[in-house]
N, C-alpha and C. Protein backbone atom coordinates (compact mmCIF):
# COMPACT_ATOMS: atom_id res chain seq x y z
N MET A 1 -19.25 -1.23 1.88
CA MET A 1 -19.02 -0.22 0.86
C MET A 1 -18.42 -0.87 -0.37
N THR A 2 -18.91 -0.53 -1.54
CA THR A 2 -18.34 -1.00 -2.80
C THR A 2 -17.60 0.14 -3.45
N ALA A 3 -16.39 -0.14 -3.93
CA ALA A 3 -15.56 0.91 -4.51
C ALA A 3 -16.24 1.49 -5.73
N ASP A 4 -16.23 2.82 -5.82
CA ASP A 4 -16.79 3.50 -6.98
C ASP A 4 -15.92 4.73 -7.23
N PRO A 5 -15.12 4.77 -8.26
CA PRO A 5 -15.04 3.81 -9.36
C PRO A 5 -14.35 2.51 -8.95
N ALA A 6 -14.39 1.55 -9.86
CA ALA A 6 -13.73 0.27 -9.59
C ALA A 6 -12.25 0.51 -9.31
N ILE A 7 -11.71 -0.26 -8.39
CA ILE A 7 -10.33 -0.04 -7.98
C ILE A 7 -9.72 -1.36 -7.51
N VAL A 8 -8.45 -1.54 -7.78
CA VAL A 8 -7.68 -2.67 -7.25
C VAL A 8 -6.87 -2.17 -6.06
N GLY A 9 -6.92 -2.92 -4.98
CA GLY A 9 -6.10 -2.63 -3.82
C GLY A 9 -4.87 -3.53 -3.83
N ALA A 10 -3.70 -2.96 -3.59
CA ALA A 10 -2.46 -3.72 -3.60
C ALA A 10 -1.72 -3.54 -2.28
N ILE A 11 -1.50 -4.64 -1.58
CA ILE A 11 -0.69 -4.63 -0.37
C ILE A 11 0.75 -4.91 -0.77
N LEU A 12 1.63 -3.95 -0.54
CA LEU A 12 3.03 -4.08 -0.96
C LEU A 12 3.83 -4.79 0.12
N ALA A 13 4.09 -6.06 -0.11
CA ALA A 13 4.77 -6.90 0.88
C ALA A 13 6.09 -7.42 0.34
N GLY A 14 6.71 -6.66 -0.54
CA GLY A 14 7.94 -7.13 -1.18
C GLY A 14 9.21 -6.72 -0.49
N GLY A 15 9.11 -6.02 0.65
CA GLY A 15 10.31 -5.56 1.36
C GLY A 15 11.07 -6.69 2.03
N LEU A 16 12.32 -6.40 2.41
CA LEU A 16 13.20 -7.43 2.98
C LEU A 16 13.22 -7.44 4.50
N ALA A 17 12.60 -6.47 5.16
CA ALA A 17 12.45 -6.44 6.63
C ALA A 17 13.77 -6.61 7.36
N ARG A 18 14.81 -5.95 6.89
CA ARG A 18 16.14 -6.12 7.49
C ARG A 18 16.16 -5.69 8.95
N ARG A 19 15.47 -4.58 9.28
CA ARG A 19 15.50 -4.07 10.66
C ARG A 19 14.69 -4.93 11.61
N LEU A 20 13.87 -5.84 11.05
CA LEU A 20 13.13 -6.79 11.90
C LEU A 20 13.79 -8.16 11.89
N GLY A 21 14.99 -8.22 11.33
CA GLY A 21 15.71 -9.48 11.30
C GLY A 21 15.37 -10.37 10.13
N GLY A 22 14.74 -9.80 9.10
CA GLY A 22 14.38 -10.58 7.92
C GLY A 22 12.98 -11.17 8.03
N GLY A 23 12.58 -11.87 6.98
CA GLY A 23 11.25 -12.46 6.96
C GLY A 23 10.22 -11.47 6.45
N ASP A 24 8.96 -11.75 6.74
CA ASP A 24 7.85 -10.93 6.24
C ASP A 24 7.26 -10.09 7.36
N LYS A 25 7.34 -8.77 7.20
CA LYS A 25 6.70 -7.90 8.19
C LYS A 25 5.19 -8.14 8.22
N THR A 26 4.61 -8.44 7.07
CA THR A 26 3.16 -8.63 7.00
C THR A 26 2.68 -9.81 7.82
N LEU A 27 3.57 -10.77 8.09
CA LEU A 27 3.17 -11.97 8.82
C LEU A 27 3.46 -11.89 10.32
N ARG A 28 3.97 -10.75 10.77
CA ARG A 28 4.15 -10.55 12.21
C ARG A 28 2.80 -10.25 12.85
N GLU A 29 2.63 -10.67 14.09
CA GLU A 29 1.34 -10.51 14.76
C GLU A 29 1.26 -9.20 15.53
N VAL A 30 0.10 -8.57 15.40
CA VAL A 30 -0.22 -7.34 16.13
C VAL A 30 -1.61 -7.53 16.71
N GLY A 31 -1.71 -7.52 18.02
CA GLY A 31 -3.02 -7.69 18.66
C GLY A 31 -3.67 -9.02 18.34
N GLY A 32 -2.87 -10.08 18.19
CA GLY A 32 -3.42 -11.42 17.96
C GLY A 32 -3.71 -11.75 16.51
N HIS A 33 -3.44 -10.83 15.59
CA HIS A 33 -3.65 -11.07 14.17
C HIS A 33 -2.43 -10.60 13.40
N THR A 34 -2.13 -11.23 12.28
CA THR A 34 -1.00 -10.76 11.49
C THR A 34 -1.33 -9.38 10.91
N VAL A 35 -0.28 -8.63 10.61
CA VAL A 35 -0.48 -7.34 9.96
C VAL A 35 -1.22 -7.53 8.64
N LEU A 36 -0.89 -8.60 7.92
CA LEU A 36 -1.55 -8.87 6.65
C LEU A 36 -3.04 -9.11 6.84
N ALA A 37 -3.40 -9.91 7.81
CA ALA A 37 -4.82 -10.18 8.06
C ALA A 37 -5.57 -8.90 8.40
N ARG A 38 -4.94 -8.03 9.16
CA ARG A 38 -5.56 -6.75 9.52
C ARG A 38 -5.75 -5.87 8.28
N LEU A 39 -4.74 -5.85 7.41
CA LEU A 39 -4.84 -5.06 6.18
C LEU A 39 -5.95 -5.59 5.27
N ILE A 40 -6.01 -6.90 5.13
CA ILE A 40 -7.03 -7.50 4.26
C ILE A 40 -8.42 -7.17 4.79
N GLU A 41 -8.62 -7.33 6.09
CA GLU A 41 -9.94 -7.06 6.67
C GLU A 41 -10.36 -5.60 6.44
N ARG A 42 -9.41 -4.69 6.54
CA ARG A 42 -9.73 -3.27 6.41
C ARG A 42 -9.92 -2.85 4.94
N LEU A 43 -9.13 -3.42 4.04
CA LEU A 43 -9.15 -2.96 2.65
C LEU A 43 -10.18 -3.67 1.78
N ARG A 44 -10.44 -4.95 2.07
CA ARG A 44 -11.29 -5.74 1.17
C ARG A 44 -12.66 -5.09 0.89
N PRO A 45 -13.34 -4.51 1.90
CA PRO A 45 -14.66 -3.92 1.59
C PRO A 45 -14.60 -2.69 0.70
N ALA A 46 -13.42 -2.09 0.58
CA ALA A 46 -13.31 -0.81 -0.12
C ALA A 46 -12.80 -0.93 -1.55
N VAL A 47 -12.47 -2.14 -1.99
CA VAL A 47 -11.87 -2.29 -3.32
C VAL A 47 -12.62 -3.36 -4.11
N THR A 48 -12.41 -3.33 -5.42
CA THR A 48 -13.02 -4.30 -6.31
C THR A 48 -12.28 -5.64 -6.28
N ARG A 49 -10.95 -5.56 -6.31
CA ARG A 49 -10.08 -6.73 -6.17
C ARG A 49 -8.94 -6.37 -5.24
N LEU A 50 -8.41 -7.35 -4.54
CA LEU A 50 -7.29 -7.13 -3.64
C LEU A 50 -6.18 -8.10 -4.01
N ILE A 51 -4.95 -7.58 -4.11
CA ILE A 51 -3.80 -8.41 -4.45
C ILE A 51 -2.68 -8.15 -3.45
N ILE A 52 -1.72 -9.07 -3.43
CA ILE A 52 -0.53 -8.93 -2.59
C ILE A 52 0.68 -8.89 -3.51
N ASN A 53 1.45 -7.84 -3.41
CA ASN A 53 2.73 -7.78 -4.13
C ASN A 53 3.80 -8.37 -3.23
N ALA A 54 4.35 -9.52 -3.63
CA ALA A 54 5.36 -10.19 -2.82
C ALA A 54 6.26 -11.02 -3.72
N ASN A 55 7.49 -11.21 -3.27
CA ASN A 55 8.46 -11.97 -4.04
C ASN A 55 8.76 -13.30 -3.35
N ASP A 56 9.52 -14.14 -4.04
CA ASP A 56 9.91 -15.45 -3.54
C ASP A 56 8.69 -16.38 -3.46
N ASP A 57 8.69 -17.31 -2.52
CA ASP A 57 7.67 -18.37 -2.50
C ASP A 57 6.29 -17.80 -2.15
N PRO A 58 5.33 -17.87 -3.08
CA PRO A 58 3.99 -17.32 -2.79
C PRO A 58 3.18 -18.18 -1.84
N ALA A 59 3.64 -19.42 -1.57
CA ALA A 59 2.85 -20.34 -0.74
C ALA A 59 2.62 -19.82 0.66
N ARG A 60 3.50 -18.95 1.14
CA ARG A 60 3.35 -18.46 2.51
C ARG A 60 2.13 -17.57 2.68
N PHE A 61 1.56 -17.10 1.57
CA PHE A 61 0.35 -16.28 1.63
C PHE A 61 -0.88 -17.02 1.11
N ALA A 62 -0.74 -18.30 0.81
CA ALA A 62 -1.81 -19.04 0.12
C ALA A 62 -3.11 -19.08 0.92
N ALA A 63 -3.01 -19.08 2.24
CA ALA A 63 -4.21 -19.20 3.06
C ALA A 63 -5.19 -18.05 2.85
N HIS A 64 -4.71 -16.94 2.34
CA HIS A 64 -5.58 -15.77 2.17
C HIS A 64 -6.33 -15.78 0.84
N GLY A 65 -5.93 -16.66 -0.07
CA GLY A 65 -6.67 -16.82 -1.32
C GLY A 65 -6.64 -15.61 -2.24
N LEU A 66 -5.60 -14.80 -2.15
CA LEU A 66 -5.49 -13.61 -2.99
C LEU A 66 -4.41 -13.80 -4.06
N PRO A 67 -4.52 -13.14 -5.20
CA PRO A 67 -3.45 -13.20 -6.19
C PRO A 67 -2.15 -12.66 -5.61
N ILE A 68 -1.05 -13.38 -5.84
CA ILE A 68 0.26 -12.94 -5.40
C ILE A 68 1.01 -12.44 -6.64
N VAL A 69 1.37 -11.18 -6.63
CA VAL A 69 1.96 -10.54 -7.80
C VAL A 69 3.40 -10.14 -7.47
N PRO A 70 4.39 -10.83 -8.05
CA PRO A 70 5.78 -10.48 -7.76
C PRO A 70 6.24 -9.27 -8.56
N ASP A 71 7.34 -8.67 -8.10
CA ASP A 71 7.97 -7.60 -8.88
C ASP A 71 8.34 -8.14 -10.26
N THR A 72 8.24 -7.29 -11.25
CA THR A 72 8.67 -7.67 -12.60
C THR A 72 10.08 -7.20 -12.89
N LEU A 73 10.68 -6.44 -11.96
CA LEU A 73 12.06 -5.97 -12.11
C LEU A 73 12.94 -6.71 -11.10
N PRO A 74 14.20 -6.99 -11.45
CA PRO A 74 15.09 -7.77 -10.58
C PRO A 74 15.66 -6.93 -9.44
N ASP A 75 16.22 -7.64 -8.45
CA ASP A 75 17.07 -7.05 -7.40
C ASP A 75 16.32 -6.15 -6.41
N HIS A 76 15.03 -6.36 -6.22
CA HIS A 76 14.27 -5.65 -5.19
C HIS A 76 14.53 -4.14 -5.23
N PRO A 77 14.15 -3.46 -6.30
CA PRO A 77 14.45 -2.03 -6.41
C PRO A 77 13.57 -1.12 -5.57
N GLY A 78 12.72 -1.67 -4.71
CA GLY A 78 11.97 -0.83 -3.79
C GLY A 78 10.48 -0.78 -4.09
N PRO A 79 9.76 0.05 -3.32
CA PRO A 79 8.29 0.04 -3.43
C PRO A 79 7.76 0.45 -4.79
N LEU A 80 8.48 1.27 -5.54
CA LEU A 80 7.99 1.63 -6.87
C LEU A 80 7.88 0.42 -7.77
N ALA A 81 8.75 -0.57 -7.57
CA ALA A 81 8.64 -1.80 -8.36
C ALA A 81 7.35 -2.54 -8.01
N GLY A 82 6.97 -2.50 -6.74
CA GLY A 82 5.70 -3.10 -6.34
C GLY A 82 4.51 -2.37 -6.92
N VAL A 83 4.59 -1.04 -6.95
CA VAL A 83 3.53 -0.25 -7.58
C VAL A 83 3.41 -0.62 -9.05
N LEU A 84 4.54 -0.69 -9.74
CA LEU A 84 4.52 -1.05 -11.16
C LEU A 84 3.92 -2.44 -11.37
N ALA A 85 4.30 -3.40 -10.54
CA ALA A 85 3.75 -4.75 -10.68
C ALA A 85 2.23 -4.74 -10.50
N ALA A 86 1.74 -3.96 -9.55
CA ALA A 86 0.30 -3.87 -9.32
C ALA A 86 -0.42 -3.22 -10.49
N LEU A 87 0.17 -2.17 -11.05
CA LEU A 87 -0.44 -1.49 -12.21
C LEU A 87 -0.47 -2.42 -13.42
N ASP A 88 0.63 -3.13 -13.65
CA ASP A 88 0.69 -4.05 -14.79
C ASP A 88 -0.31 -5.19 -14.62
N TRP A 89 -0.40 -5.73 -13.40
CA TRP A 89 -1.36 -6.82 -13.15
C TRP A 89 -2.78 -6.33 -13.41
N THR A 90 -3.08 -5.14 -12.95
CA THR A 90 -4.43 -4.60 -13.14
C THR A 90 -4.74 -4.41 -14.61
N ALA A 91 -3.79 -3.88 -15.37
CA ALA A 91 -4.01 -3.67 -16.80
C ALA A 91 -4.27 -4.99 -17.52
N ALA A 92 -3.60 -6.06 -17.08
CA ALA A 92 -3.74 -7.36 -17.75
C ALA A 92 -4.94 -8.15 -17.25
N SER A 93 -5.22 -8.08 -15.94
CA SER A 93 -6.24 -8.94 -15.34
C SER A 93 -7.58 -8.26 -15.11
N GLU A 94 -7.57 -6.96 -14.94
CA GLU A 94 -8.80 -6.19 -14.72
C GLU A 94 -8.78 -4.96 -15.63
N PRO A 95 -8.84 -5.16 -16.94
CA PRO A 95 -8.64 -4.04 -17.87
C PRO A 95 -9.66 -2.91 -17.75
N SER A 96 -10.80 -3.18 -17.15
CA SER A 96 -11.79 -2.11 -16.99
C SER A 96 -11.50 -1.23 -15.77
N VAL A 97 -10.56 -1.64 -14.92
CA VAL A 97 -10.23 -0.89 -13.71
C VAL A 97 -9.14 0.13 -14.04
N LEU A 98 -9.36 1.36 -13.65
CA LEU A 98 -8.44 2.44 -14.02
C LEU A 98 -7.60 2.94 -12.85
N TRP A 99 -7.86 2.42 -11.65
CA TRP A 99 -7.18 2.94 -10.45
C TRP A 99 -6.68 1.81 -9.57
N VAL A 100 -5.54 2.08 -8.93
CA VAL A 100 -4.95 1.15 -7.95
C VAL A 100 -4.59 1.95 -6.71
N VAL A 101 -4.98 1.43 -5.54
CA VAL A 101 -4.54 2.03 -4.29
C VAL A 101 -3.50 1.09 -3.67
N THR A 102 -2.39 1.65 -3.23
CA THR A 102 -1.33 0.85 -2.63
C THR A 102 -1.17 1.20 -1.16
N VAL A 103 -0.88 0.16 -0.38
CA VAL A 103 -0.62 0.31 1.05
C VAL A 103 0.55 -0.59 1.40
N PRO A 104 1.56 -0.08 2.09
CA PRO A 104 2.68 -0.94 2.46
C PRO A 104 2.25 -2.02 3.44
N GLY A 105 2.94 -3.15 3.39
CA GLY A 105 2.54 -4.29 4.20
C GLY A 105 2.97 -4.22 5.65
N ASP A 106 3.41 -3.04 6.11
CA ASP A 106 3.81 -2.92 7.51
C ASP A 106 2.96 -1.90 8.26
N VAL A 107 1.76 -1.61 7.74
CA VAL A 107 0.86 -0.62 8.35
C VAL A 107 -0.36 -1.37 8.90
N PRO A 108 -0.40 -1.64 10.21
CA PRO A 108 -1.48 -2.47 10.75
C PRO A 108 -2.80 -1.75 11.00
N PHE A 109 -2.84 -0.40 10.93
CA PHE A 109 -4.06 0.32 11.32
C PHE A 109 -4.58 1.26 10.22
N PRO A 110 -4.66 0.83 8.97
CA PRO A 110 -5.10 1.76 7.92
C PRO A 110 -6.53 2.23 8.16
N PRO A 111 -6.86 3.48 7.82
CA PRO A 111 -8.21 4.00 8.09
C PRO A 111 -9.26 3.39 7.17
N LYS A 112 -10.47 3.27 7.68
CA LYS A 112 -11.56 2.69 6.90
C LYS A 112 -11.92 3.55 5.69
N ASP A 113 -11.71 4.86 5.81
CA ASP A 113 -12.10 5.76 4.72
C ASP A 113 -10.95 6.09 3.78
N LEU A 114 -9.92 5.28 3.77
CA LEU A 114 -8.73 5.57 2.97
C LEU A 114 -9.07 5.76 1.50
N VAL A 115 -9.70 4.77 0.89
CA VAL A 115 -9.97 4.82 -0.55
C VAL A 115 -10.92 5.96 -0.89
N THR A 116 -11.98 6.09 -0.11
CA THR A 116 -12.97 7.13 -0.38
C THR A 116 -12.36 8.52 -0.35
N ARG A 117 -11.59 8.81 0.69
CA ARG A 117 -11.03 10.15 0.82
C ARG A 117 -9.98 10.45 -0.24
N LEU A 118 -9.18 9.45 -0.62
CA LEU A 118 -8.19 9.69 -1.68
C LEU A 118 -8.89 10.01 -3.00
N HIS A 119 -9.94 9.24 -3.32
CA HIS A 119 -10.69 9.51 -4.56
C HIS A 119 -11.35 10.88 -4.52
N GLU A 120 -11.98 11.21 -3.41
CA GLU A 120 -12.68 12.49 -3.30
C GLU A 120 -11.70 13.66 -3.46
N ALA A 121 -10.54 13.55 -2.84
CA ALA A 121 -9.56 14.63 -2.93
C ALA A 121 -9.01 14.76 -4.35
N ARG A 122 -8.79 13.63 -5.00
CA ARG A 122 -8.29 13.67 -6.37
C ARG A 122 -9.28 14.36 -7.29
N LEU A 123 -10.56 14.01 -7.14
CA LEU A 123 -11.59 14.64 -7.97
C LEU A 123 -11.71 16.13 -7.67
N ARG A 124 -11.68 16.48 -6.40
CA ARG A 124 -11.85 17.88 -6.00
C ARG A 124 -10.73 18.76 -6.56
N ASP A 125 -9.50 18.25 -6.54
CA ASP A 125 -8.36 19.05 -6.95
C ASP A 125 -7.95 18.83 -8.41
N GLY A 126 -8.63 17.89 -9.09
CA GLY A 126 -8.25 17.59 -10.46
C GLY A 126 -6.84 17.03 -10.55
N ALA A 127 -6.42 16.29 -9.53
CA ALA A 127 -5.06 15.76 -9.46
C ALA A 127 -4.96 14.41 -10.17
N ARG A 128 -3.76 14.07 -10.58
CA ARG A 128 -3.55 12.76 -11.20
C ARG A 128 -3.26 11.70 -10.14
N LEU A 129 -2.66 12.10 -9.04
CA LEU A 129 -2.29 11.18 -7.96
C LEU A 129 -2.81 11.72 -6.64
N ALA A 130 -3.01 10.81 -5.68
CA ALA A 130 -3.38 11.22 -4.33
C ALA A 130 -2.63 10.34 -3.34
N CYS A 131 -2.17 10.94 -2.25
CA CYS A 131 -1.50 10.14 -1.23
C CYS A 131 -1.90 10.63 0.15
N ALA A 132 -1.57 9.84 1.16
CA ALA A 132 -2.00 10.10 2.53
C ALA A 132 -0.93 10.84 3.32
N SER A 133 -1.39 11.49 4.39
CA SER A 133 -0.49 12.19 5.29
C SER A 133 -1.06 12.09 6.70
N SER A 134 -0.17 12.14 7.69
CA SER A 134 -0.59 12.20 9.10
C SER A 134 0.54 12.84 9.88
N LEU A 135 0.16 13.57 10.94
CA LEU A 135 1.15 14.26 11.77
C LEU A 135 2.07 15.14 10.94
N GLY A 136 1.54 15.69 9.86
CA GLY A 136 2.32 16.57 9.00
C GLY A 136 3.33 15.86 8.13
N ARG A 137 3.29 14.55 8.07
CA ARG A 137 4.25 13.78 7.28
C ARG A 137 3.53 13.04 6.17
N THR A 138 4.05 13.19 4.96
CA THR A 138 3.45 12.53 3.80
C THR A 138 3.87 11.07 3.74
N HIS A 139 2.92 10.21 3.34
CA HIS A 139 3.19 8.77 3.18
C HIS A 139 3.00 8.43 1.70
N PRO A 140 4.03 8.61 0.88
CA PRO A 140 3.85 8.51 -0.57
C PRO A 140 3.49 7.13 -1.08
N VAL A 141 3.72 6.08 -0.27
CA VAL A 141 3.37 4.73 -0.72
C VAL A 141 1.90 4.42 -0.44
N VAL A 142 1.29 5.15 0.49
CA VAL A 142 -0.15 5.02 0.73
C VAL A 142 -0.82 5.95 -0.26
N ALA A 143 -1.14 5.42 -1.43
CA ALA A 143 -1.46 6.31 -2.54
C ALA A 143 -2.43 5.70 -3.52
N LEU A 144 -3.05 6.59 -4.28
CA LEU A 144 -3.96 6.24 -5.36
C LEU A 144 -3.27 6.55 -6.68
N TRP A 145 -3.18 5.52 -7.55
CA TRP A 145 -2.44 5.64 -8.81
C TRP A 145 -3.36 5.35 -10.00
N PRO A 146 -3.24 6.12 -11.08
CA PRO A 146 -3.93 5.74 -12.31
C PRO A 146 -3.15 4.64 -13.01
N VAL A 147 -3.85 3.64 -13.50
CA VAL A 147 -3.17 2.56 -14.24
C VAL A 147 -2.43 3.13 -15.44
N SER A 148 -2.92 4.23 -15.98
CA SER A 148 -2.32 4.82 -17.17
C SER A 148 -0.91 5.35 -16.96
N ILE A 149 -0.45 5.43 -15.71
CA ILE A 149 0.88 5.96 -15.44
C ILE A 149 1.96 4.89 -15.51
N ARG A 150 1.57 3.65 -15.77
CA ARG A 150 2.52 2.55 -15.62
C ARG A 150 3.70 2.63 -16.58
N ASP A 151 3.49 3.06 -17.81
CA ASP A 151 4.61 3.13 -18.76
C ASP A 151 5.60 4.22 -18.35
N GLU A 152 5.09 5.31 -17.81
CA GLU A 152 5.98 6.37 -17.31
C GLU A 152 6.78 5.87 -16.11
N LEU A 153 6.13 5.09 -15.25
CA LEU A 153 6.81 4.54 -14.09
C LEU A 153 7.87 3.53 -14.50
N ARG A 154 7.55 2.70 -15.47
CA ARG A 154 8.53 1.71 -15.94
C ARG A 154 9.77 2.41 -16.49
N LEU A 155 9.55 3.46 -17.26
CA LEU A 155 10.66 4.22 -17.83
C LEU A 155 11.51 4.86 -16.73
N ALA A 156 10.84 5.40 -15.70
CA ALA A 156 11.57 6.02 -14.60
C ALA A 156 12.45 5.00 -13.88
N LEU A 157 11.94 3.80 -13.70
CA LEU A 157 12.69 2.76 -12.99
C LEU A 157 13.82 2.18 -13.83
N THR A 158 13.56 1.91 -15.08
CA THR A 158 14.53 1.19 -15.90
C THR A 158 15.51 2.08 -16.66
N GLU A 159 15.08 3.30 -17.00
CA GLU A 159 15.93 4.17 -17.80
C GLU A 159 16.54 5.31 -16.97
N ARG A 160 15.78 5.80 -16.01
CA ARG A 160 16.23 6.98 -15.26
C ARG A 160 16.76 6.64 -13.88
N GLY A 161 16.61 5.38 -13.46
CA GLY A 161 17.16 4.95 -12.18
C GLY A 161 16.48 5.53 -10.96
N ILE A 162 15.23 5.95 -11.10
CA ILE A 162 14.50 6.52 -9.98
C ILE A 162 14.01 5.41 -9.06
N ARG A 163 14.28 5.56 -7.77
CA ARG A 163 13.86 4.56 -6.78
C ARG A 163 12.94 5.14 -5.72
N GLN A 164 13.04 6.43 -5.44
CA GLN A 164 12.24 7.05 -4.40
C GLN A 164 10.86 7.43 -4.94
N VAL A 165 9.83 7.07 -4.18
CA VAL A 165 8.46 7.35 -4.61
C VAL A 165 8.25 8.85 -4.78
N GLY A 166 8.70 9.63 -3.80
CA GLY A 166 8.52 11.07 -3.87
C GLY A 166 9.18 11.70 -5.07
N ARG A 167 10.32 11.20 -5.45
CA ARG A 167 11.02 11.75 -6.62
C ARG A 167 10.24 11.46 -7.89
N PHE A 168 9.66 10.26 -7.99
CA PHE A 168 8.87 9.94 -9.17
C PHE A 168 7.62 10.80 -9.27
N THR A 169 6.93 10.98 -8.14
CA THR A 169 5.64 11.68 -8.18
C THR A 169 5.78 13.20 -8.23
N GLU A 170 6.96 13.71 -7.96
CA GLU A 170 7.15 15.17 -7.87
C GLU A 170 6.63 15.95 -9.08
N PRO A 171 6.85 15.50 -10.33
CA PRO A 171 6.40 16.31 -11.47
C PRO A 171 4.89 16.30 -11.70
N TYR A 172 4.17 15.41 -11.03
CA TYR A 172 2.74 15.23 -11.32
C TYR A 172 1.87 16.06 -10.39
N ALA A 173 0.68 16.40 -10.87
CA ALA A 173 -0.31 17.05 -10.01
C ALA A 173 -0.76 16.03 -8.97
N ARG A 174 -0.45 16.30 -7.70
CA ARG A 174 -0.72 15.35 -6.62
C ARG A 174 -1.40 16.06 -5.47
N VAL A 175 -2.40 15.42 -4.90
CA VAL A 175 -3.06 15.96 -3.72
C VAL A 175 -2.67 15.10 -2.52
N VAL A 176 -2.41 15.75 -1.41
CA VAL A 176 -2.03 15.07 -0.17
C VAL A 176 -3.19 15.21 0.82
N VAL A 177 -3.65 14.08 1.34
CA VAL A 177 -4.83 14.06 2.22
C VAL A 177 -4.38 13.75 3.64
N GLU A 178 -4.70 14.66 4.57
CA GLU A 178 -4.28 14.53 5.96
C GLU A 178 -5.30 13.74 6.77
N TRP A 179 -4.80 12.79 7.58
CA TRP A 179 -5.64 12.04 8.51
C TRP A 179 -5.31 12.41 9.95
N ASN A 180 -6.33 12.41 10.78
CA ASN A 180 -6.15 12.64 12.20
C ASN A 180 -5.39 11.47 12.82
N ALA A 181 -4.48 11.77 13.74
CA ALA A 181 -3.68 10.72 14.37
C ALA A 181 -4.07 10.48 15.82
N THR A 182 -5.30 10.81 16.17
CA THR A 182 -5.80 10.59 17.53
C THR A 182 -6.83 9.47 17.54
N PRO A 183 -6.69 8.45 18.40
CA PRO A 183 -5.64 8.27 19.40
C PRO A 183 -4.37 7.63 18.84
N VAL A 184 -4.43 7.13 17.58
CA VAL A 184 -3.29 6.41 17.00
C VAL A 184 -3.10 6.88 15.57
N ASP A 185 -1.85 7.05 15.19
CA ASP A 185 -1.53 7.37 13.80
C ASP A 185 -1.99 6.19 12.92
N PRO A 186 -2.93 6.41 11.98
CA PRO A 186 -3.40 5.29 11.16
C PRO A 186 -2.34 4.73 10.22
N PHE A 187 -1.24 5.45 10.07
CA PHE A 187 -0.16 4.98 9.19
C PHE A 187 1.10 4.62 9.96
N PHE A 188 0.91 4.34 11.26
CA PHE A 188 2.01 3.81 12.07
C PHE A 188 2.55 2.57 11.37
N ASN A 189 3.87 2.54 11.16
CA ASN A 189 4.42 1.39 10.44
C ASN A 189 5.43 0.63 11.31
N VAL A 190 5.51 -0.65 11.05
CA VAL A 190 6.31 -1.57 11.86
C VAL A 190 7.61 -1.87 11.12
N ASN A 191 8.69 -1.25 11.61
CA ASN A 191 10.00 -1.45 10.99
C ASN A 191 10.99 -2.17 11.88
N THR A 192 10.82 -2.04 13.20
CA THR A 192 11.78 -2.58 14.16
C THR A 192 11.05 -3.42 15.20
N PRO A 193 11.78 -4.20 15.98
CA PRO A 193 11.13 -4.94 17.07
C PRO A 193 10.40 -4.02 18.05
N GLU A 194 10.95 -2.82 18.27
CA GLU A 194 10.30 -1.87 19.16
C GLU A 194 8.97 -1.38 18.57
N ASP A 195 8.96 -1.15 17.26
CA ASP A 195 7.72 -0.77 16.58
C ASP A 195 6.67 -1.86 16.71
N LEU A 196 7.11 -3.10 16.55
CA LEU A 196 6.17 -4.22 16.62
C LEU A 196 5.55 -4.32 18.01
N ALA A 197 6.38 -4.15 19.04
CA ALA A 197 5.87 -4.19 20.41
C ALA A 197 4.90 -3.04 20.67
N GLU A 198 5.21 -1.87 20.15
CA GLU A 198 4.32 -0.72 20.33
C GLU A 198 3.00 -0.92 19.58
N ALA A 199 3.07 -1.45 18.37
CA ALA A 199 1.84 -1.72 17.60
C ALA A 199 0.96 -2.72 18.33
N ASP A 200 1.57 -3.74 18.90
CA ASP A 200 0.81 -4.73 19.65
C ASP A 200 0.15 -4.09 20.87
N ARG A 201 0.87 -3.21 21.56
CA ARG A 201 0.29 -2.51 22.71
C ARG A 201 -0.88 -1.64 22.28
N LEU A 202 -0.72 -0.91 21.19
CA LEU A 202 -1.78 -0.04 20.71
C LEU A 202 -3.03 -0.84 20.32
N ALA A 203 -2.80 -1.97 19.65
CA ALA A 203 -3.93 -2.78 19.22
C ALA A 203 -4.72 -3.32 20.39
N ARG A 204 -4.03 -3.64 21.47
CA ARG A 204 -4.72 -4.17 22.66
C ARG A 204 -5.36 -3.04 23.48
N THR A 205 -4.76 -1.87 23.42
CA THR A 205 -5.32 -0.72 24.15
C THR A 205 -6.56 -0.16 23.45
N TYR A 206 -6.53 -0.17 22.12
CA TYR A 206 -7.62 0.38 21.31
C TYR A 206 -8.13 -0.71 20.36
N PRO A 207 -8.91 -1.65 20.87
CA PRO A 207 -9.31 -2.80 20.06
C PRO A 207 -10.09 -2.42 18.81
N GLY A 208 -10.66 -1.23 18.75
CA GLY A 208 -11.38 -0.80 17.56
C GLY A 208 -10.49 -0.53 16.37
N LEU A 209 -9.18 -0.46 16.60
CA LEU A 209 -8.25 -0.25 15.50
C LEU A 209 -8.28 -1.42 14.53
């Protein structure tokens, strides 16, 4: 599948993984593959370009051959900083692309139809933003963003001190798209050692994930 319209996919891997003892959640293995490798395999066919938002030494991701885009704001202010970095990179490097889809780097089982369904829902509802949901819970970082929102996002981060994704998106027309969680929640995220063990079990039980 080729993305239509053109879209940049951004894997947000800038978190500090404190509950996993530090390091990169994206580089932990689930079912014999790193979470990052699983994300790349799932997202690459659905986007025009794929980037990784990550801080510190980019060499640890070099084997994947993708652009590494660090936060442009200091002190790790959270996922919105990663979204802003992805939007700014897209505006500078892919100026004809008007949309960015973001996925956190701790989600090993993203659905194959993620990009398609977010775009379809946005068009259907005339919304400016679209995000995913499962089990009745919204996942605001799994979202489709217009590149044109980047200046508003920068202002929210630097002038208004907004850090929560939901708080930033609240004033905008947003559509929430629900995914089935059978047999596995496609947005199961790995935050703790227990989560990592469960993700590994799920991946081996349901190899099609």
